[in-house]
Amino acid sequence: MVKEMEGYFYSKIEQAKDGNLIPICQNSNGQEIFMHSKYNPLREAEGFVRDIDEGCLFFIVLGLAGGYHIQKLLEKCPEAKILVAEISQSALDFLSAIPCVKKLMSDKRVLISDEKNTGQKILSSYKPALHGNLTILSLRQWENIFTESCANLQKEINSAIKLLAQDFSVQSHFGKIWQKNILTNLSLAEKTLDFSQVKKEIKEKLLTEKTAAIIAAGPSLDNDIKKLRDFREKYFIIATDTAFSALRKVKIDSDAVVSIDGQQVSHEHYMDSISKKTLYVFDLCANSSAVRKAILSSKNVLLSETGHPLSQYASLYTGKRSFPHLEAGSGTVTIAAASLARNLGFTKIEFFGSDFSYIKGRAYARGTYLEGSFHSKSNRLSPAEKSYDAIMYRSPLIKLSEDRMTTEILQAYKESLESFMKSKNNDFCENEEYGRFDLKDFKSRYCKELKSAFRSEKDFDENSFATTTLLPLCAKLGKGSAFLAYLKTLSYTERV
């Protein structure tokens, strides 16, 4: 017997007329409900799957009970993965006495979770790029009696799907660009600096005793220029790429600049000049033209990774990290710059221009690459202000004060930065050893693991690290594109 907080609980297991075992739920008044047909639970389960789309590759099912509906779902969709949610771990232990449930628990296609862990299970197991749309089902008897658990699970599912949808949207837009940039930048890696040496030199010069000034390109940066000039020796300036050009225009050289954007527009940040005093830190996903220019003009280039699976694979494939990991939240270069400061050992961090809002109708500080671009194209019918307004009004505005507006996305970025700064865990291990990246060895190992993971177009290991590296590209190419992503990546890797 398993008692839960809700009115009903699993009380006993009895045999149906056809010999199969079925669980029974009971409430405090002693009222009992059979979770499946008392006569033929397998025939009843056929009705559960009758209208199911056979092409669906991922299901979330609320209610395990005797598992007969899950068994029939597997028979109809043998290539699908099914996540089954129950009210608690104790309920799962109770139900495991049923042979059908015990068999499902050993099936690799079936993931079984209690209520509190379902959201995390969705995030770790559902891969939109591979599985496409998911289908949510519920066992009718289970839904009717466990109403509170059902409502809680719906919230967990919606929250997880929202996070995955945001991530998938970005991947579907940038997946191809990222894959190409990573592999191209890896071909340049042997011309870049070793992070251990960079960190050592900064510590030897006692630079970490300074305050790390993280410079974003928000409008308030204009008011901070004087402070940065007057107290320049107090700060180790780490600029975001957009702020870098703005600082250069007012004769302030950054000690470091961070770039994570893979788009060609990122190259614009470095068009004016490359300072030989600056450390250029690029995410492996960053625009490869910008990386190449920085390498040709300055020897102070450092590559990093911010979580793309291919970047992580390239950094860790030997067991020793080759590139420092920078946190970037939901893709925010300001967080990446702050993460770099922590990686380098700075304990004091101060932010400039990180407004995450529009101030007095302005989106950016003066001197960014946008200023030159917008003003060069402006005329009486289409002034530069129109281009800035297009940036501001691309999402619904939220009024913060008379002269300050923000958006839901900018607020999310701000919250992500605040969460990062509250975290007490540093991004690095003080004594972690870094190894030099070897392109030839990487290509050999990566291509071998890709070929091992993909036995044929339909037969591949979706949980292998090599397959995971393809997911952002799959998001761009569309459902069922895993084999195509494999062929494209294998071909490009061998040519790099």
Protein backbone atom coordinates (compact mmCIF):
# COMPACT_ATOMS: atom_id res chain seq x y z
CA MET A 1 0.00 0.00 0.00
CA VAL A 2 1.32 3.46 -0.97
CA LYS A 3 -0.31 6.49 0.66
CA GLU A 4 0.17 9.89 -0.97
CA MET A 5 -0.84 13.48 -0.19
CA GLU A 6 -3.77 13.32 -2.60
CA GLY A 7 -7.10 11.61 -1.81
CA TYR A 8 -6.30 8.42 -3.72
CA PHE A 9 -3.34 6.10 -3.32
CA TYR A 10 -2.16 2.77 -4.77
CA SER A 11 -3.53 0.18 -2.35
CA LYS A 12 -3.23 -3.27 -3.89
CA ILE A 13 -2.68 -5.34 -7.03
CA GLU A 14 -5.22 -7.86 -8.32
CA GLN A 15 -5.53 -10.21 -11.26
CA ALA A 16 -7.79 -9.30 -14.20
CA LYS A 17 -9.99 -11.91 -15.85
CA ASP A 18 -7.35 -12.47 -18.57
CA GLY A 19 -4.66 -13.15 -15.95
CA ASN A 20 -2.79 -9.82 -16.13
CA LEU A 21 -2.09 -7.94 -12.89
CA ILE A 22 -3.68 -4.51 -12.43
CA PRO A 23 -3.16 -1.90 -9.69
CA ILE A 24 -6.05 -0.56 -7.66
CA CYS A 25 -6.29 2.89 -6.08
CA GLN A 26 -8.27 3.67 -2.96
CA ASN A 27 -9.29 6.89 -1.20
CA SER A 28 -9.74 7.63 2.49
CA ASN A 29 -13.38 6.54 2.31
CA GLY A 30 -12.38 3.11 1.07
CA GLN A 31 -13.66 3.70 -2.48
CA GLU A 32 -11.62 1.70 -4.99
CA ILE A 33 -10.83 2.39 -8.64
CA PHE A 34 -9.26 -0.15 -11.01
CA MET A 35 -6.58 1.57 -13.11
CA HIS A 36 -7.22 -0.75 -16.06
CA SER A 37 -10.02 -2.97 -17.30
CA LYS A 38 -10.88 -5.78 -14.86
CA TYR A 39 -11.43 -8.07 -17.82
CA ASN A 40 -8.88 -7.37 -20.54
CA PRO A 41 -6.41 -4.50 -19.90
CA LEU A 42 -4.49 -5.19 -23.13
CA ARG A 43 -7.59 -4.81 -25.29
CA GLU A 44 -8.45 -1.60 -23.43
CA ALA A 45 -4.90 -0.34 -24.11
CA GLU A 46 -5.45 -0.77 -27.84
CA GLY A 47 -8.03 2.01 -27.63
CA PHE A 48 -5.46 4.22 -25.89
CA VAL A 49 -3.18 4.13 -28.94
CA ARG A 50 -5.80 3.89 -31.71
CA ASP A 51 -5.51 7.50 -32.92
CA ILE A 52 -1.79 7.96 -32.22
CA ASP A 53 0.43 9.26 -35.03
CA GLU A 54 2.89 6.46 -35.78
CA GLY A 55 5.48 9.00 -36.93
CA CYS A 56 5.82 10.63 -33.49
CA LEU A 57 9.20 9.92 -31.93
CA PHE A 58 8.73 11.25 -28.39
CA PHE A 59 5.85 10.81 -25.97
CA ILE A 60 5.19 12.03 -22.45
CA VAL A 61 2.63 9.83 -20.71
CA LEU A 62 1.07 10.82 -17.39
CA GLY A 63 0.36 7.71 -15.39
CA LEU A 64 2.20 4.38 -15.42
CA ALA A 65 -0.21 2.18 -13.46
CA GLY A 66 0.07 -1.36 -14.90
CA GLY A 67 1.92 -0.19 -18.01
CA TYR A 68 -0.29 -1.93 -20.59
CA HIS A 69 -1.00 1.33 -22.46
CA ILE A 70 2.78 1.95 -22.66
CA GLN A 71 3.33 -1.57 -23.99
CA LYS A 72 0.82 -0.98 -26.79
CA LEU A 73 2.34 2.43 -27.55
CA LEU A 74 5.74 0.80 -28.03
CA GLU A 75 4.23 -1.80 -30.34
CA LYS A 76 2.67 0.91 -32.51
CA CYS A 77 5.69 3.28 -32.42
CA PRO A 78 8.74 1.02 -31.93
CA GLU A 79 11.24 3.79 -32.77
CA ALA A 80 9.79 6.26 -30.27
CA LYS A 81 11.11 7.24 -26.86
CA ILE A 82 8.53 7.42 -24.05
CA LEU A 83 8.83 9.38 -20.80
CA VAL A 84 6.33 8.12 -18.22
CA ALA A 85 5.50 10.17 -15.11
CA GLU A 86 4.09 8.80 -11.85
CA ILE A 87 3.13 10.44 -8.57
CA SER A 88 6.17 9.32 -6.55
CA GLN A 89 9.12 6.99 -6.29
CA SER A 90 7.25 4.91 -3.70
CA ALA A 91 4.43 4.44 -6.20
CA LEU A 92 6.96 3.29 -8.81
CA ASP A 93 8.43 0.80 -6.36
CA PHE A 94 4.93 -0.52 -5.63
CA LEU A 95 4.04 -0.87 -9.32
CA SER A 96 7.31 -2.64 -10.16
CA ALA A 97 5.76 -5.87 -8.81
CA ILE A 98 3.65 -6.00 -11.99
CA PRO A 99 5.49 -7.99 -14.74
CA CYS A 100 4.54 -5.53 -17.51
CA VAL A 101 5.93 -2.60 -15.50
CA LYS A 102 9.09 -4.50 -14.64
CA LYS A 103 9.65 -5.24 -18.33
CA LEU A 104 9.12 -1.56 -19.25
CA MET A 105 11.63 -0.46 -16.63
CA SER A 106 14.34 -2.46 -18.42
CA ASP A 107 13.40 -1.15 -21.90
CA LYS A 108 15.89 1.47 -23.15
CA ARG A 109 13.13 3.26 -25.03
CA VAL A 110 11.21 3.97 -21.83
CA LEU A 111 12.18 6.59 -19.23
CA ILE A 112 10.22 6.47 -15.99
CA SER A 113 10.15 9.39 -13.57
CA ASP A 114 8.41 10.50 -10.42
CA GLU A 115 6.55 13.81 -10.38
CA LYS A 116 9.33 16.00 -8.97
CA ASN A 117 11.99 14.88 -11.48
CA THR A 118 9.92 14.94 -14.68
CA GLY A 119 10.89 18.45 -15.77
CA GLN A 120 14.60 17.67 -15.54
CA LYS A 121 14.08 14.36 -17.35
CA ILE A 122 12.44 16.19 -20.25
CA LEU A 123 15.35 18.63 -20.51
CA SER A 124 17.91 15.83 -20.54
CA SER A 125 16.14 13.31 -22.80
CA TYR A 126 13.94 15.19 -25.28
CA LYS A 127 15.98 16.39 -28.26
CA PRO A 128 13.73 18.44 -30.58
CA ALA A 129 16.32 18.34 -33.37
CA LEU A 130 16.12 14.53 -33.43
CA HIS A 131 12.64 13.78 -32.15
CA GLY A 132 10.59 16.57 -33.71
CA ASN A 133 7.31 17.42 -31.97
CA LEU A 134 6.39 15.58 -28.81
CA THR A 135 2.98 14.16 -27.90
CA ILE A 136 1.55 14.37 -24.37
CA LEU A 137 -0.89 11.64 -23.30
CA SER A 138 -2.50 10.67 -20.01
CA LEU A 139 -4.15 7.53 -18.67
CA ARG A 140 -7.76 8.65 -18.16
CA GLN A 141 -8.31 6.92 -14.81
CA TRP A 142 -5.00 8.27 -13.51
CA GLU A 143 -5.78 11.84 -14.63
CA ASN A 144 -9.21 11.74 -12.98
CA ILE A 145 -8.01 10.74 -9.52
CA PHE A 146 -4.56 12.33 -9.31
CA THR A 147 -5.72 15.81 -10.31
CA GLU A 148 -3.14 17.71 -8.26
CA SER A 149 -0.21 15.69 -9.58
CA CYS A 150 -1.58 16.06 -13.11
CA ALA A 151 -1.73 19.86 -12.75
CA ASN A 152 1.79 20.00 -11.28
CA LEU A 153 3.16 17.86 -14.08
CA GLN A 154 1.53 20.02 -16.73
CA LYS A 155 3.31 23.05 -15.25
CA GLU A 156 6.63 21.19 -15.20
CA ILE A 157 6.16 20.04 -18.78
CA ASN A 158 5.18 23.50 -20.04
CA SER A 159 8.14 25.09 -18.28
CA ALA A 160 10.61 22.56 -19.73
CA ILE A 161 9.14 22.84 -23.22
CA LYS A 162 9.39 26.65 -23.08
CA LEU A 163 13.09 26.44 -22.24
CA LEU A 164 13.72 23.89 -24.97
CA ALA A 165 11.73 25.92 -27.50
CA GLN A 166 13.85 29.02 -26.85
CA ASP A 167 17.05 27.03 -27.21
CA PHE A 168 15.80 25.22 -30.30
CA SER A 169 14.78 28.51 -31.93
CA VAL A 170 18.32 29.85 -31.58
CA GLN A 171 19.84 26.55 -32.75
CA SER A 172 17.60 26.38 -35.80
CA HIS A 173 18.78 29.87 -36.80
CA PHE A 174 22.50 29.53 -36.04
CA GLY A 175 23.14 25.77 -36.17
CA LYS A 176 24.85 25.74 -39.56
CA ILE A 177 26.87 28.91 -38.90
CA TRP A 178 28.10 27.56 -35.56
CA GLN A 179 29.16 24.20 -36.98
CA LYS A 180 31.19 25.81 -39.74
CA ASN A 181 32.72 28.44 -37.45
CA ILE A 182 33.77 25.86 -34.85
CA LEU A 183 35.53 23.63 -37.33
CA THR A 184 37.19 26.59 -39.07
CA ASN A 185 38.31 28.11 -35.76
CA LEU A 186 39.69 24.75 -34.63
CA SER A 187 41.89 24.79 -37.75
CA LEU A 188 43.32 28.09 -36.41
CA ALA A 189 43.67 26.91 -32.80
CA GLU A 190 47.35 26.05 -33.01
CA LYS A 191 48.05 29.74 -33.76
CA THR A 192 46.34 30.90 -30.57
CA LEU A 193 47.48 31.26 -26.96
CA ASP A 194 47.50 28.64 -24.23
CA PHE A 195 45.08 29.60 -21.45
CA SER A 196 47.35 28.36 -18.66
CA GLN A 197 50.12 30.67 -19.85
CA VAL A 198 47.76 33.65 -20.19
CA LYS A 199 46.45 33.13 -16.69
CA LYS A 200 49.96 32.71 -15.28
CA GLU A 201 51.20 35.94 -16.85
CA ILE A 202 48.22 37.92 -15.57
CA LYS A 203 48.83 36.62 -12.03
CA GLU A 204 52.58 37.27 -12.20
CA LYS A 205 51.92 40.89 -13.14
CA LEU A 206 49.52 41.12 -10.18
CA LEU A 207 46.79 42.23 -12.55
CA THR A 208 44.22 40.13 -10.69
CA GLU A 209 44.56 42.54 -7.75
CA LYS A 210 42.79 45.08 -9.93
CA THR A 211 39.02 45.27 -10.42
CA ALA A 212 37.77 43.56 -13.54
CA ALA A 213 35.69 46.16 -15.39
CA ILE A 214 33.14 44.40 -17.59
CA ILE A 215 32.16 46.82 -20.36
CA ALA A 216 28.88 46.37 -22.20
CA ALA A 217 27.60 48.75 -24.88
CA GLY A 218 24.47 50.06 -23.18
CA PRO A 219 23.67 53.80 -23.39
CA SER A 220 24.90 54.49 -19.83
CA LEU A 221 28.46 53.69 -20.95
CA ASP A 222 28.70 57.25 -22.31
CA ASN A 223 28.46 58.55 -18.74
CA ASP A 224 31.11 56.11 -17.48
CA ILE A 225 33.88 57.01 -19.93
CA LYS A 226 35.32 59.72 -17.63
CA LYS A 227 35.49 57.32 -14.67
CA LEU A 228 37.23 54.70 -16.78
CA ARG A 229 39.78 57.28 -17.96
CA ASP A 230 40.39 58.84 -14.52
CA PHE A 231 40.85 55.50 -12.78
CA ARG A 232 42.27 53.49 -15.68
CA GLU A 233 45.05 51.93 -13.59
CA LYS A 234 42.50 50.58 -11.13
CA TYR A 235 40.80 48.43 -13.75
CA PHE A 236 41.53 45.42 -15.89
CA ILE A 237 39.10 46.24 -18.70
CA ILE A 238 37.26 43.32 -20.33
CA ALA A 239 35.05 44.67 -23.11
CA THR A 240 32.25 42.95 -24.96
CA ASP A 241 32.83 43.05 -28.71
CA THR A 242 30.25 45.80 -29.34
CA ALA A 243 31.72 47.98 -26.57
CA PHE A 244 35.28 47.36 -27.80
CA SER A 245 34.97 49.66 -30.80
CA ALA A 246 33.21 52.32 -28.70
CA LEU A 247 36.13 52.37 -26.25
CA ARG A 248 38.66 52.52 -29.08
CA LYS A 249 36.99 55.64 -30.45
CA VAL A 250 37.57 57.45 -27.14
CA LYS A 251 41.20 56.24 -26.95
CA ILE A 252 40.67 53.61 -24.26
CA ASP A 253 42.41 50.31 -24.97
CA SER A 254 40.78 47.23 -23.50
CA ASP A 255 42.93 44.67 -21.72
CA ALA A 256 40.68 41.97 -23.17
CA VAL A 257 37.66 41.72 -25.46
CA VAL A 258 35.18 38.85 -25.64
CA SER A 259 33.20 37.79 -28.71
CA ILE A 260 30.68 34.92 -28.91
CA ASP A 261 28.50 35.93 -31.90
CA GLY A 262 28.87 33.71 -34.94
CA GLN A 263 27.35 36.12 -37.45
CA GLN A 264 29.36 37.99 -40.07
CA VAL A 265 28.35 41.28 -38.46
CA SER A 266 30.76 40.44 -35.60
CA HIS A 267 33.61 41.15 -38.00
CA GLU A 268 32.49 44.79 -38.00
CA HIS A 269 33.65 45.23 -34.39
CA TYR A 270 37.25 44.79 -35.50
CA MET A 271 37.23 46.69 -38.80
CA ASP A 272 38.85 49.91 -37.55
CA SER A 273 41.99 48.50 -35.99
CA ILE A 274 43.38 45.71 -33.86
CA SER A 275 45.21 46.76 -30.72
CA LYS A 276 48.31 44.71 -29.96
CA LYS A 277 47.79 45.47 -26.24
CA THR A 278 44.49 43.60 -26.11
CA LEU A 279 43.78 39.93 -25.44
CA TYR A 280 41.18 38.76 -27.98
CA VAL A 281 38.97 36.02 -26.56
CA PHE A 282 36.69 34.25 -29.05
CA ASP A 283 34.15 31.54 -28.47
CA LEU A 284 34.76 28.68 -30.90
CA CYS A 285 31.31 29.53 -32.35
CA ALA A 286 32.41 33.12 -33.06
CA ASN A 287 32.76 34.48 -36.57
CA SER A 288 35.85 32.86 -38.07
CA SER A 289 36.69 35.91 -40.22
CA ALA A 290 37.06 38.00 -37.05
CA VAL A 291 39.21 35.30 -35.45
CA ARG A 292 41.44 35.10 -38.53
CA LYS A 293 41.87 38.89 -38.66
CA ALA A 294 42.79 39.06 -34.97
CA ILE A 295 45.37 36.28 -35.43
CA LEU A 296 46.94 38.02 -38.45
CA SER A 297 47.07 41.43 -36.72
CA SER A 298 47.84 40.34 -33.16
CA LYS A 299 49.32 37.26 -31.55
CA ASN A 300 47.10 37.72 -28.48
CA VAL A 301 44.19 35.46 -29.40
CA LEU A 302 42.57 32.97 -27.06
CA LEU A 303 39.82 30.51 -28.00
CA SER A 304 37.15 29.42 -25.51
CA GLU A 305 33.91 27.44 -25.47
CA THR A 306 30.50 28.40 -24.09
CA GLY A 307 28.67 25.08 -24.17
CA HIS A 308 28.08 24.13 -27.80
CA PRO A 309 28.42 20.31 -27.77
CA LEU A 310 30.96 20.26 -30.60
CA SER A 311 33.06 22.91 -28.82
CA GLN A 312 32.91 20.89 -25.62
CA TYR A 313 33.89 17.73 -27.46
CA ALA A 314 36.88 19.46 -29.09
CA SER A 315 37.99 20.87 -25.75
CA LEU A 316 37.65 17.65 -23.74
CA TYR A 317 38.20 14.78 -26.20
CA THR A 318 41.64 13.93 -24.75
CA GLY A 319 40.43 14.09 -21.15
CA LYS A 320 42.35 17.31 -20.56
CA ARG A 321 40.69 20.66 -21.29
CA SER A 322 42.11 22.55 -24.29
CA PHE A 323 39.95 25.69 -24.12
CA PRO A 324 38.55 27.53 -21.08
CA HIS A 325 34.81 27.20 -20.52
CA LEU A 326 32.93 30.50 -20.28
CA GLU A 327 29.39 30.70 -19.00
CA ALA A 328 27.17 32.73 -21.32
CA GLY A 329 23.74 32.28 -19.78
CA SER A 330 21.23 32.28 -22.61
CA GLY A 331 23.83 33.63 -25.03
CA THR A 332 24.87 36.87 -23.34
CA VAL A 333 28.35 38.17 -24.09
CA THR A 334 28.32 40.26 -20.89
CA ILE A 335 28.06 37.08 -18.82
CA ALA A 336 30.82 35.50 -20.91
CA ALA A 337 33.06 38.50 -20.14
CA ALA A 338 32.32 38.19 -16.42
CA SER A 339 32.98 34.45 -16.64
CA LEU A 340 36.37 35.17 -18.22
CA ALA A 341 37.19 37.47 -15.29
CA ARG A 342 36.42 34.68 -12.83
CA ASN A 343 38.41 32.16 -14.87
CA LEU A 344 41.42 34.47 -14.77
CA GLY A 345 41.17 34.78 -10.99
CA PHE A 346 39.59 38.22 -10.51
CA THR A 347 37.57 38.49 -7.30
CA LYS A 348 36.40 42.10 -7.75
CA ILE A 349 34.11 42.71 -10.72
CA GLU A 350 32.36 45.94 -11.72
CA PHE A 351 29.95 46.43 -14.62
CA PHE A 352 29.66 49.38 -16.99
CA GLY A 353 27.01 49.84 -19.68
CA SER A 354 25.16 46.62 -18.78
CA ASP A 355 21.77 48.36 -18.89
CA PHE A 356 19.63 45.62 -20.45
CA SER A 357 17.27 48.44 -21.38
CA TYR A 358 16.81 51.38 -23.74
CA ILE A 359 17.52 54.77 -22.17
CA LYS A 360 15.94 57.96 -23.56
CA GLY A 361 15.23 56.19 -26.82
CA ARG A 362 18.79 54.97 -27.27
CA ALA A 363 19.74 51.32 -27.65
CA TYR A 364 23.54 51.61 -27.57
CA ALA A 365 26.38 53.82 -26.44
CA ARG A 366 28.07 56.15 -28.90
CA GLY A 367 30.87 54.85 -31.07
CA THR A 368 29.67 51.30 -31.80
CA TYR A 369 29.88 49.91 -35.32
CA LEU A 370 26.11 50.47 -35.62
CA GLU A 371 26.56 54.22 -35.37
CA GLY A 372 28.72 54.40 -38.47
CA SER A 373 26.57 51.91 -40.35
CA PHE A 374 23.25 53.61 -39.59
CA HIS A 375 24.45 57.16 -40.20
CA SER A 376 26.15 56.29 -43.48
CA LYS A 377 22.82 54.99 -44.82
CA SER A 378 20.62 57.73 -43.39
CA ASN A 379 18.76 60.33 -45.44
CA ARG A 380 15.84 62.70 -44.93
CA LEU A 381 13.25 59.97 -45.51
CA SER A 382 15.09 57.32 -43.49
CA PRO A 383 17.21 58.90 -40.73
CA ALA A 384 19.52 56.89 -38.48
CA GLU A 385 16.95 57.10 -35.68
CA LYS A 386 14.62 54.92 -37.76
CA SER A 387 17.22 52.13 -37.78
CA TYR A 388 17.67 52.39 -34.01
CA ASP A 389 13.90 52.32 -33.54
CA ALA A 390 13.74 49.13 -35.61
CA ILE A 391 16.04 47.50 -33.01
CA MET A 392 14.04 48.80 -30.08
CA TYR A 393 10.59 47.94 -31.37
CA ARG A 394 11.33 44.45 -32.71
CA SER A 395 9.91 43.12 -29.41
CA PRO A 396 7.11 44.52 -27.21
CA LEU A 397 8.48 47.20 -24.86
CA ILE A 398 8.07 47.20 -21.09
CA LYS A 399 8.16 50.61 -19.38
CA LEU A 400 10.50 50.80 -16.38
CA SER A 401 10.47 54.58 -15.90
CA GLU A 402 9.88 57.78 -17.87
CA ASP A 403 13.16 57.44 -19.76
CA ARG A 404 13.87 53.70 -19.56
CA MET A 405 12.26 50.82 -21.50
CA THR A 406 13.09 47.14 -21.69
CA THR A 407 11.84 43.89 -23.26
CA GLU A 408 11.12 40.41 -21.97
CA ILE A 409 14.32 39.13 -23.62
CA LEU A 410 16.48 41.86 -22.08
CA GLN A 411 14.95 41.20 -18.67
CA ALA A 412 15.79 37.51 -19.05
CA TYR A 413 19.40 38.46 -19.89
CA LYS A 414 19.57 40.66 -16.80
CA GLU A 415 18.20 37.91 -14.55
CA SER A 416 20.66 35.46 -16.07
CA LEU A 417 23.57 37.78 -15.26
CA GLU A 418 22.31 38.33 -11.70
CA SER A 419 22.00 34.59 -11.21
CA PHE A 420 25.53 34.06 -12.50
CA MET A 421 26.99 36.68 -10.17
CA LYS A 422 25.18 35.19 -7.15
CA SER A 423 26.66 31.80 -7.89
CA LYS A 424 29.52 31.07 -5.53
CA ASN A 425 31.04 28.44 -7.78
CA ASN A 426 33.93 29.64 -9.88
CA ASP A 427 33.95 28.50 -13.50
CA PHE A 428 37.37 26.93 -13.18
CA CYS A 429 39.39 24.60 -11.06
CA GLU A 430 42.43 26.45 -9.73
CA ASN A 431 44.79 23.57 -10.44
CA GLU A 432 43.17 22.32 -13.65
CA GLU A 433 45.71 21.49 -16.32
CA TYR A 434 45.16 22.63 -19.90
CA GLY A 435 46.53 20.78 -22.89
CA ARG A 436 47.39 22.10 -26.33
CA PHE A 437 44.85 21.34 -29.04
CA ASP A 438 46.08 19.00 -31.77
CA LEU A 439 44.02 19.39 -34.95
CA LYS A 440 45.26 16.20 -36.62
CA ASP A 441 44.53 14.07 -33.56
CA PHE A 442 41.12 15.71 -33.07
CA LYS A 443 40.09 15.05 -36.67
CA SER A 444 41.14 11.43 -36.45
CA ARG A 445 39.27 10.75 -33.22
CA TYR A 446 36.17 12.77 -34.06
CA CYS A 447 35.69 11.21 -37.49
CA LYS A 448 36.21 7.75 -36.02
CA GLU A 449 33.58 8.34 -33.31
CA LEU A 450 31.12 9.80 -35.81
CA LYS A 451 31.45 6.74 -38.03
CA SER A 452 31.05 4.48 -35.02
CA ALA A 453 27.87 6.29 -33.89
CA PHE A 454 26.24 6.18 -37.35
CA ARG A 455 25.95 2.61 -38.55
CA SER A 456 23.33 3.57 -41.17
CA GLU A 457 20.76 6.28 -41.91
CA LYS A 458 18.23 4.80 -39.49
CA ASP A 459 20.60 3.06 -37.10
CA PHE A 460 22.61 5.47 -34.99
CA ASP A 461 23.38 6.04 -31.31
CA GLU A 462 21.53 9.22 -30.36
CA ASN A 463 23.13 9.26 -26.90
CA SER A 464 26.76 9.19 -28.03
CA PHE A 465 28.81 12.36 -27.49
CA ALA A 466 29.59 12.41 -31.23
CA THR A 467 25.88 12.47 -32.14
CA THR A 468 25.20 15.19 -29.56
CA THR A 469 27.71 17.45 -31.35
CA LEU A 470 25.37 17.44 -34.37
CA LEU A 471 22.17 18.53 -32.60
CA PRO A 472 22.39 22.31 -33.31
CA LEU A 473 23.00 21.56 -36.99
CA CYS A 474 20.08 19.09 -36.99
CA ALA A 475 17.89 21.88 -35.61
CA LYS A 476 18.79 23.97 -38.65
CA LEU A 477 18.34 21.14 -41.16
CA GLY A 478 15.03 19.89 -39.72
CA LYS A 479 13.49 16.70 -38.33
CA GLY A 480 15.03 13.46 -39.55
CA SER A 481 18.25 15.20 -40.62
CA ALA A 482 20.67 13.44 -38.26
CA PHE A 483 22.27 11.36 -41.02
CA LEU A 484 22.55 14.38 -43.33
CA ALA A 485 24.14 16.40 -40.51
CA TYR A 486 26.55 13.51 -39.95
CA LEU A 487 27.57 13.39 -43.64
CA LYS A 488 28.03 17.16 -43.87
CA THR A 489 30.04 17.40 -40.67
CA LEU A 490 32.20 14.39 -41.51
CA SER A 491 32.97 15.79 -44.95
CA TYR A 492 33.78 19.28 -43.69
CA THR A 493 35.90 17.96 -40.80
CA GLU A 494 38.00 15.82 -43.12
CA ARG A 495 38.61 18.86 -45.38
CA VAL A 496 39.58 21.29 -42.61
